[in-house]
Amino acid sequence: MEKECTKEIIVNITEDQTITDLSKSIQPLNSEIFLKKMVRGMIVEVNLKSFLGLITLQLKNGDKLSVRAVGDDCEVAIDEVVNYLT
């Protein structure tokens, strides 16, 4: 059974941070990383390594997200995402 980690966060990023930069930073990790957010009344979960999925989320400061990583390096993956988005 694969290891899984989750964390709830509130987005707090600067204007010069882009989701593309975050996506590039997590590409070397083995874990699959997912972000879950309420979008127009529906819960949407996307793979962080998917640019199209990230566009769907339309992240902005104050958004509440659930970050989930599945894989042997899930703690590192969660830390990378949390450090970038908060």
PDB file of N, CA and C in Angstrom:
ATOM      1  N   MET A   1       0.843  -1.183   0.000  1.00  0.00           N
ATOM      2  CA  MET A   1       0.000   0.000   0.000  1.00  0.00           C
ATOM      3  C   MET A   1       0.889   1.247   0.000  1.00  0.00           C
ATOM      4  N   GLU A   2       0.568   2.195  -0.874  1.00  0.00           N
ATOM      5  CA  GLU A   2       1.376   3.403  -0.984  1.00  0.00           C
ATOM      6  C   GLU A   2       1.098   4.352   0.182  1.00  0.00           C
ATOM      7  N   LYS A   3       2.123   5.095   0.535  1.00  0.00           N
ATOM      8  CA  LYS A   3       2.038   6.083   1.599  1.00  0.00           C
ATOM      9  C   LYS A   3       1.260   7.297   1.091  1.00  0.00           C
ATOM     10  N   GLU A   4       0.411   7.871   1.960  1.00  0.00           N
ATOM     11  CA  GLU A   4      -0.379   9.044   1.586  1.00  0.00           C
ATOM     12  C   GLU A   4      -0.312  10.082   2.696  1.00  0.00           C
ATOM     13  N   CYS A   5      -0.163  11.358   2.295  1.00  0.00           N
ATOM     14  CA  CYS A   5      -0.107  12.476   3.228  1.00  0.00           C
ATOM     15  C   CYS A   5      -1.103  13.536   2.775  1.00  0.00           C
ATOM     16  N   THR A   6      -1.720  14.227   3.728  1.00  0.00           N
ATOM     17  CA  THR A   6      -2.639  15.321   3.379  1.00  0.00           C
ATOM     18  C   THR A   6      -2.421  16.498   4.323  1.00  0.00           C
ATOM     19  N   LYS A   7      -2.776  17.674   3.837  1.00  0.00           N
ATOM     20  CA  LYS A   7      -2.699  18.878   4.668  1.00  0.00           C
ATOM     21  C   LYS A   7      -3.670  19.902   4.114  1.00  0.00           C
ATOM     22  N   GLU A   8      -4.327  20.619   5.019  1.00  0.00           N
ATOM     23  CA  GLU A   8      -5.232  21.709   4.642  1.00  0.00           C
ATOM     24  C   GLU A   8      -4.456  23.015   4.744  1.00  0.00           C
ATOM     25  N   ILE A   9      -4.585  23.873   3.738  1.00  0.00           N
ATOM     26  CA  ILE A   9      -3.867  25.143   3.752  1.00  0.00           C
ATOM     27  C   ILE A   9      -4.758  26.268   3.234  1.00  0.00           C
ATOM     28  N   ILE A  10      -4.311  27.488   3.468  1.00  0.00           N
ATOM     29  CA  ILE A  10      -4.929  28.673   2.871  1.00  0.00           C
ATOM     30  C   ILE A  10      -3.855  29.334   2.015  1.00  0.00           C
ATOM     31  N   VAL A  11      -4.172  29.566   0.757  1.00  0.00           N
ATOM     32  CA  VAL A  11      -3.216  30.122  -0.197  1.00  0.00           C
ATOM     33  C   VAL A  11      -2.834  31.547   0.186  1.00  0.00           C
ATOM     34  N   ASN A  12      -1.539  31.807   0.163  1.00  0.00           N
ATOM     35  CA  ASN A  12      -1.011  33.151   0.404  1.00  0.00           C
ATOM     36  C   ASN A  12       0.272  33.286  -0.413  1.00  0.00           C
ATOM     37  N   ILE A  13       0.134  33.740  -1.662  1.00  0.00           N
ATOM     38  CA  ILE A  13       1.275  33.854  -2.559  1.00  0.00           C
ATOM     39  C   ILE A  13       1.445  35.305  -3.005  1.00  0.00           C
ATOM     40  N   THR A  14       2.637  35.619  -3.500  1.00  0.00           N
ATOM     41  CA  THR A  14       2.899  36.955  -4.016  1.00  0.00           C
ATOM     42  C   THR A  14       2.566  36.992  -5.504  1.00  0.00           C
ATOM     43  N   GLU A  15       2.500  38.193  -6.055  1.00  0.00           N
ATOM     44  CA  GLU A  15       2.154  38.347  -7.469  1.00  0.00           C
ATOM     45  C   GLU A  15       3.191  37.753  -8.402  1.00  0.00           C
ATOM     46  N   ASP A  16       4.444  37.671  -7.968  1.00  0.00           N
ATOM     47  CA  ASP A  16       5.479  37.143  -8.854  1.00  0.00           C
ATOM     48  C   ASP A  16       5.600  35.620  -8.801  1.00  0.00           C
ATOM     49  N   GLN A  17       4.868  34.965  -7.911  1.00  0.00           N
ATOM     50  CA  GLN A  17       4.868  33.509  -7.869  1.00  0.00           C
ATOM     51  C   GLN A  17       3.869  32.990  -8.892  1.00  0.00           C
ATOM     52  N   THR A  18       4.299  32.002  -9.662  1.00  0.00           N
ATOM     53  CA  THR A  18       3.388  31.406 -10.639  1.00  0.00           C
ATOM     54  C   THR A  18       3.222  29.927 -10.341  1.00  0.00           C
ATOM     55  N   ILE A  19       2.083  29.413 -10.702  1.00  0.00           N
ATOM     56  CA  ILE A  19       1.804  27.993 -10.511  1.00  0.00           C
ATOM     57  C   ILE A  19       2.728  27.153 -11.388  1.00  0.00           C
ATOM     58  N   THR A  20       3.196  27.743 -12.486  1.00  0.00           N
ATOM     59  CA  THR A  20       4.135  27.049 -13.366  1.00  0.00           C
ATOM     60  C   THR A  20       5.441  26.775 -12.631  1.00  0.00           C
ATOM     61  N   ASP A  21       5.908  27.749 -11.854  1.00  0.00           N
ATOM     62  CA  ASP A  21       7.133  27.558 -11.073  1.00  0.00           C
ATOM     63  C   ASP A  21       6.966  26.434 -10.056  1.00  0.00           C
ATOM     64  N   LEU A  22       5.812  26.394  -9.415  1.00  0.00           N
ATOM     65  CA  LEU A  22       5.541  25.321  -8.459  1.00  0.00           C
ATOM     66  C   LEU A  22       5.536  23.974  -9.163  1.00  0.00           C
ATOM     67  N   SER A  23       4.873  23.906 -10.297  1.00  0.00           N
ATOM     68  CA  SER A  23       4.801  22.660 -11.051  1.00  0.00           C
ATOM     69  C   SER A  23       6.197  22.163 -11.431  1.00  0.00           C
ATOM     70  N   LYS A  24       7.058  23.071 -11.850  1.00  0.00           N
ATOM     71  CA  LYS A  24       8.433  22.702 -12.214  1.00  0.00           C
ATOM     72  C   LYS A  24       9.193  22.170 -11.003  1.00  0.00           C
ATOM     73  N   SER A  25       8.974  22.777  -9.839  1.00  0.00           N
ATOM     74  CA  SER A  25       9.727  22.383  -8.644  1.00  0.00           C
ATOM     75  C   SER A  25       9.339  20.994  -8.136  1.00  0.00           C
ATOM     76  N   ILE A  26       8.124  20.552  -8.436  1.00  0.00           N
ATOM     77  CA  ILE A  26       7.697  19.239  -7.935  1.00  0.00           C
ATOM     78  C   ILE A  26       7.853  18.128  -8.981  1.00  0.00           C
ATOM     79  N   GLN A  27       8.222  18.465 -10.207  1.00  0.00           N
ATOM     80  CA  GLN A  27       8.382  17.451 -11.255  1.00  0.00           C
ATOM     81  C   GLN A  27       9.352  16.325 -10.871  1.00  0.00           C
ATOM     82  N   PRO A  28      10.477  16.619 -10.196  1.00  0.00           N
ATOM     83  CA  PRO A  28      11.419  15.535  -9.852  1.00  0.00           C
ATOM     84  C   PRO A  28      10.888  14.562  -8.786  1.00  0.00           C
ATOM     85  N   LEU A  29       9.850  14.943  -8.065  1.00  0.00           N
ATOM     86  CA  LEU A  29       9.338  14.089  -6.987  1.00  0.00           C
ATOM     87  C   LEU A  29       8.586  12.895  -7.556  1.00  0.00           C
ATOM     88  N   ASN A  30       8.653  11.779  -6.829  1.00  0.00           N
ATOM     89  CA  ASN A  30       7.975  10.549  -7.265  1.00  0.00           C
ATOM     90  C   ASN A  30       6.481  10.572  -6.961  1.00  0.00           C
ATOM     91  N   SER A  31       6.101  11.248  -5.905  1.00  0.00           N
ATOM     92  CA  SER A  31       4.700  11.250  -5.472  1.00  0.00           C
ATOM     93  C   SER A  31       3.792  11.935  -6.484  1.00  0.00           C
ATOM     94  N   GLU A  32       2.567  11.450  -6.533  1.00  0.00           N
ATOM     95  CA  GLU A  32       1.511  12.157  -7.250  1.00  0.00           C
ATOM     96  C   GLU A  32       0.939  13.155  -6.243  1.00  0.00           C
ATOM     97  N   ILE A  33       0.754  14.387  -6.680  1.00  0.00           N
ATOM     98  CA  ILE A  33       0.309  15.440  -5.770  1.00  0.00           C
ATOM     99  C   ILE A  33      -0.978  16.038  -6.312  1.00  0.00           C
ATOM    100  N   PHE A  34      -1.966  16.173  -5.426  1.00  0.00           N
ATOM    101  CA  PHE A  34      -3.276  16.659  -5.828  1.00  0.00           C
ATOM    102  C   PHE A  34      -3.682  17.859  -4.986  1.00  0.00           C
ATOM    103  N   LEU A  35      -4.341  18.813  -5.613  1.00  0.00           N
ATOM    104  CA  LEU A  35      -4.935  19.952  -4.918  1.00  0.00           C
ATOM    105  C   LEU A  35      -6.443  19.843  -5.072  1.00  0.00           C
ATOM    106  N   LYS A  36      -7.150  20.065  -3.955  1.00  0.00           N
ATOM    107  CA  LYS A  36      -8.613  20.000  -3.988  1.00  0.00           C
ATOM    108  C   LYS A  36      -9.163  21.326  -3.501  1.00  0.00           C
ATOM    109  N   LYS A  37     -10.132  21.858  -4.250  1.00  0.00           N
ATOM    110  CA  LYS A  37     -10.708  23.159  -3.938  1.00  0.00           C
ATOM    111  C   LYS A  37     -12.163  23.196  -4.398  1.00  0.00           C
ATOM    112  N   MET A  38     -12.961  24.017  -3.735  1.00  0.00           N
ATOM    113  CA  MET A  38     -14.342  24.259  -4.153  1.00  0.00           C
ATOM    114  C   MET A  38     -14.310  25.292  -5.281  1.00  0.00           C
ATOM    115  N   VAL A  39     -14.832  24.925  -6.451  1.00  0.00           N
ATOM    116  CA  VAL A  39     -14.890  25.818  -7.609  1.00  0.00           C
ATOM    117  C   VAL A  39     -16.332  25.879  -8.091  1.00  0.00           C
ATOM    118  N   ARG A  40     -16.918  27.072  -8.013  1.00  0.00           N
ATOM    119  CA  ARG A  40     -18.305  27.286  -8.433  1.00  0.00           C
ATOM    120  C   ARG A  40     -19.268  26.238  -7.851  1.00  0.00           C
ATOM    121  N   GLY A  41     -19.112  25.977  -6.550  1.00  0.00           N
ATOM    122  CA  GLY A  41     -20.022  25.064  -5.861  1.00  0.00           C
ATOM    123  C   GLY A  41     -19.698  23.589  -6.014  1.00  0.00           C
ATOM    124  N   MET A  42     -18.654  23.262  -6.740  1.00  0.00           N
ATOM    125  CA  MET A  42     -18.264  21.861  -6.934  1.00  0.00           C
ATOM    126  C   MET A  42     -16.852  21.640  -6.410  1.00  0.00           C
ATOM    127  N   ILE A  43     -16.622  20.487  -5.783  1.00  0.00           N
ATOM    128  CA  ILE A  43     -15.275  20.149  -5.325  1.00  0.00           C
ATOM    129  C   ILE A  43     -14.494  19.626  -6.525  1.00  0.00           C
ATOM    130  N   VAL A  44     -13.352  20.258  -6.773  1.00  0.00           N
ATOM    131  CA  VAL A  44     -12.496  19.874  -7.893  1.00  0.00           C
ATOM    132  C   VAL A  44     -11.141  19.458  -7.346  1.00  0.00           C
ATOM    133  N   GLU A  45     -10.672  18.281  -7.766  1.00  0.00           N
ATOM    134  CA  GLU A  45      -9.339  17.816  -7.386  1.00  0.00           C
ATOM    135  C   GLU A  45      -8.537  17.616  -8.663  1.00  0.00           C
ATOM    136  N   VAL A  46      -7.354  18.234  -8.699  1.00  0.00           N
ATOM    137  CA  VAL A  46      -6.510  18.131  -9.885  1.00  0.00           C
ATOM    138  C   VAL A  46      -5.109  17.670  -9.498  1.00  0.00           C
ATOM    139  N   ASN A  47      -4.457  17.034 -10.457  1.00  0.00           N
ATOM    140  CA  ASN A  47      -3.075  16.624 -10.279  1.00  0.00           C
ATOM    141  C   ASN A  47      -2.201  17.861 -10.456  1.00  0.00           C
ATOM    142  N   LEU A  48      -1.342  18.122  -9.501  1.00  0.00           N
ATOM    143  CA  LEU A  48      -0.506  19.315  -9.533  1.00  0.00           C
ATOM    144  C   LEU A  48       0.462  19.311 -10.710  1.00  0.00           C
ATOM    145  N   LYS A  49       0.732  18.158 -11.257  1.00  0.00           N
ATOM    146  CA  LYS A  49       1.647  18.078 -12.395  1.00  0.00           C
ATOM    147  C   LYS A  49       0.927  18.335 -13.722  1.00  0.00           C
ATOM    148  N   SER A  50      -0.369  18.636 -13.665  1.00  0.00           N
ATOM    149  CA  SER A  50      -1.164  18.912 -14.862  1.00  0.00           C
ATOM    150  C   SER A  50      -1.425  20.405 -14.987  1.00  0.00           C
ATOM    151  N   PHE A  51      -0.857  21.042 -16.017  1.00  0.00           N
ATOM    152  CA  PHE A  51      -1.054  22.483 -16.220  1.00  0.00           C
ATOM    153  C   PHE A  51      -2.526  22.809 -16.442  1.00  0.00           C
ATOM    154  N   LEU A  52      -3.220  22.004 -17.225  1.00  0.00           N
ATOM    155  CA  LEU A  52      -4.635  22.258 -17.501  1.00  0.00           C
ATOM    156  C   LEU A  52      -5.459  22.201 -16.226  1.00  0.00           C
ATOM    157  N   GLY A  53      -5.171  21.223 -15.378  1.00  0.00           N
ATOM    158  CA  GLY A  53      -5.879  21.115 -14.113  1.00  0.00           C
ATOM    159  C   GLY A  53      -5.650  22.319 -13.222  1.00  0.00           C
ATOM    160  N   LEU A  54      -4.417  22.807 -13.211  1.00  0.00           N
ATOM    161  CA  LEU A  54      -4.087  23.971 -12.383  1.00  0.00           C
ATOM    162  C   LEU A  54      -4.830  25.214 -12.846  1.00  0.00           C
ATOM    163  N   ILE A  55      -4.968  25.367 -14.139  1.00  0.00           N
ATOM    164  CA  ILE A  55      -5.710  26.507 -14.674  1.00  0.00           C
ATOM    165  C   ILE A  55      -7.166  26.443 -14.210  1.00  0.00           C
ATOM    166  N   THR A  56      -7.723  25.252 -14.152  1.00  0.00           N
ATOM    167  CA  THR A  56      -9.105  25.047 -13.716  1.00  0.00           C
ATOM    168  C   THR A  56      -9.335  25.559 -12.296  1.00  0.00           C
ATOM    169  N   LEU A  57      -8.336  25.388 -11.423  1.00  0.00           N
ATOM    170  CA  LEU A  57      -8.495  25.788 -10.019  1.00  0.00           C
ATOM    171  C   LEU A  57      -8.535  27.298  -9.817  1.00  0.00           C
ATOM    172  N   GLN A  58      -7.902  28.066 -10.682  1.00  0.00           N
ATOM    173  CA  GLN A  58      -7.869  29.523 -10.561  1.00  0.00           C
ATOM    174  C   GLN A  58      -7.493  29.945  -9.129  1.00  0.00           C
ATOM    175  N   LEU A  59      -6.338  29.523  -8.685  1.00  0.00           N
ATOM    176  CA  LEU A  59      -5.893  29.810  -7.316  1.00  0.00           C
ATOM    177  C   LEU A  59      -5.700  31.294  -7.071  1.00  0.00           C
ATOM    178  N   LYS A  60      -6.129  31.723  -5.877  1.00  0.00           N
ATOM    179  CA  LYS A  60      -5.908  33.101  -5.449  1.00  0.00           C
ATOM    180  C   LYS A  60      -5.757  33.113  -3.934  1.00  0.00           C
ATOM    181  N   ASN A  61      -5.190  34.196  -3.427  1.00  0.00           N
ATOM    182  CA  ASN A  61      -4.979  34.308  -1.985  1.00  0.00           C
ATOM    183  C   ASN A  61      -6.303  34.176  -1.233  1.00  0.00           C
ATOM    184  N   GLY A  62      -6.243  33.431  -0.129  1.00  0.00           N
ATOM    185  CA  GLY A  62      -7.425  33.206   0.690  1.00  0.00           C
ATOM    186  C   GLY A  62      -8.149  31.909   0.373  1.00  0.00           C
ATOM    187  N   ASP A  63      -7.813  31.282  -0.760  1.00  0.00           N
ATOM    188  CA  ASP A  63      -8.443  30.005  -1.114  1.00  0.00           C
ATOM    189  C   ASP A  63      -8.058  28.930  -0.109  1.00  0.00           C
ATOM    190  N   LYS A  64      -9.036  28.124   0.282  1.00  0.00           N
ATOM    191  CA  LYS A  64      -8.772  26.973   1.140  1.00  0.00           C
ATOM    192  C   LYS A  64      -8.563  25.762   0.242  1.00  0.00           C
ATOM    193  N   LEU A  65      -7.437  25.071   0.464  1.00  0.00           N
ATOM    194  CA  LEU A  65      -7.089  23.904  -0.343  1.00  0.00           C
ATOM    195  C   LEU A  65      -6.792  22.710   0.532  1.00  0.00           C
ATOM    196  N   SER A  66      -7.037  21.558  -0.024  1.00  0.00           N
ATOM    197  CA  SER A  66      -6.554  20.325   0.558  1.00  0.00           C
ATOM    198  C   SER A  66      -5.430  19.842  -0.361  1.00  0.00           C
ATOM    199  N   VAL A  67      -4.258  19.614   0.213  1.00  0.00           N
ATOM    200  CA  VAL A  67      -3.122  19.103  -0.550  1.00  0.00           C
ATOM    201  C   VAL A  67      -2.955  17.635  -0.173  1.00  0.00           C
ATOM    202  N   ARG A  68      -2.904  16.768  -1.184  1.00  0.00           N
ATOM    203  CA  ARG A  68      -2.760  15.333  -0.946  1.00  0.00           C
ATOM    204  C   ARG A  68      -1.636  14.806  -1.818  1.00  0.00           C
ATOM    205  N   ALA A  69      -0.743  14.030  -1.229  1.00  0.00           N
ATOM    206  CA  ALA A  69       0.353  13.420  -1.977  1.00  0.00           C
ATOM    207  C   ALA A  69       0.352  11.918  -1.706  1.00  0.00           C
ATOM    208  N   VAL A  70       0.594  11.162  -2.760  1.00  0.00           N
ATOM    209  CA  VAL A  70       0.628   9.708  -2.662  1.00  0.00           C
ATOM    210  C   VAL A  70       1.945   9.223  -3.247  1.00  0.00           C
ATOM    211  N   GLY A  71       2.750   8.565  -2.411  1.00  0.00           N
ATOM    212  CA  GLY A  71       4.032   8.043  -2.872  1.00  0.00           C
ATOM    213  C   GLY A  71       5.047   8.017  -1.757  1.00  0.00           C
ATOM    214  N   ASP A  72       6.206   7.462  -2.067  1.00  0.00           N
ATOM    215  CA  ASP A  72       7.225   7.268  -1.038  1.00  0.00           C
ATOM    216  C   ASP A  72       7.818   8.575  -0.504  1.00  0.00           C
ATOM    217  N   ASP A  73       7.745   9.650  -1.268  1.00  0.00           N
ATOM    218  CA  ASP A  73       8.270  10.934  -0.807  1.00  0.00           C
ATOM    219  C   ASP A  73       7.144  11.945  -0.548  1.00  0.00           C
ATOM    220  N   CYS A  74       5.995  11.454  -0.066  1.00  0.00           N
ATOM    221  CA  CYS A  74       4.826  12.322   0.103  1.00  0.00           C
ATOM    222  C   CYS A  74       5.062  13.451   1.102  1.00  0.00           C
ATOM    223  N   GLU A  75       5.860  13.213   2.165  1.00  0.00           N
ATOM    224  CA  GLU A  75       6.118  14.293   3.122  1.00  0.00           C
ATOM    225  C   GLU A  75       6.881  15.436   2.464  1.00  0.00           C
ATOM    226  N   VAL A  76       7.880  15.095   1.665  1.00  0.00           N
ATOM    227  CA  VAL A  76       8.668  16.106   0.955  1.00  0.00           C
ATOM    228  C   VAL A  76       7.767  16.855  -0.029  1.00  0.00           C
ATOM    229  N   ALA A  77       6.908  16.120  -0.710  1.00  0.00           N
ATOM    230  CA  ALA A  77       5.997  16.724  -1.683  1.00  0.00           C
ATOM    231  C   ALA A  77       5.049  17.709  -1.010  1.00  0.00           C
ATOM    232  N   ILE A  78       4.460  17.299   0.100  1.00  0.00           N
ATOM    233  CA  ILE A  78       3.542  18.179   0.838  1.00  0.00           C
ATOM    234  C   ILE A  78       4.285  19.427   1.307  1.00  0.00           C
ATOM    235  N   ASP A  79       5.471  19.243   1.873  1.00  0.00           N
ATOM    236  CA  ASP A  79       6.261  20.390   2.357  1.00  0.00           C
ATOM    237  C   ASP A  79       6.572  21.365   1.226  1.00  0.00           C
ATOM    238  N   GLU A  80       6.940  20.858   0.066  1.00  0.00           N
ATOM    239  CA  GLU A  80       7.267  21.711  -1.084  1.00  0.00           C
ATOM    240  C   GLU A  80       6.065  22.547  -1.490  1.00  0.00           C
ATOM    241  N   VAL A  81       4.899  21.928  -1.568  1.00  0.00           N
ATOM    242  CA  VAL A  81       3.676  22.633  -1.978  1.00  0.00           C
ATOM    243  C   VAL A  81       3.265  23.646  -0.914  1.00  0.00           C
ATOM    244  N   VAL A  82       3.260  23.227   0.342  1.00  0.00           N
ATOM    245  CA  VAL A  82       2.861  24.121   1.435  1.00  0.00           C
ATOM    246  C   VAL A  82       3.783  25.331   1.513  1.00  0.00           C
ATOM    247  N   ASN A  83       5.088  25.096   1.432  1.00  0.00           N
ATOM    248  CA  ASN A  83       6.048  26.201   1.490  1.00  0.00           C
ATOM    249  C   ASN A  83       5.846  27.185   0.339  1.00  0.00           C
ATOM    250  N   TYR A  84       5.464  26.679  -0.820  1.00  0.00           N
ATOM    251  CA  TYR A  84       5.293  27.556  -1.974  1.00  0.00           C
ATOM    252  C   TYR A  84       3.981  28.334  -1.904  1.00  0.00           C
ATOM    253  N   LEU A  85       2.906  27.681  -1.482  1.00  0.00           N
ATOM    254  CA  LEU A  85       1.577  28.287  -1.551  1.00  0.00           C
ATOM    255  C   LEU A  85       1.164  29.062  -0.305  1.00  0.00           C
ATOM    256  N   THR A  86       1.965  29.014   0.773  1.00  0.00           N
ATOM    257  CA  THR A  86       1.564  29.721   1.990  1.00  0.00           C
ATOM    258  C   THR A  86       2.614  30.733   2.427  1.00  0.00           C
TER     259      THR A  86
END
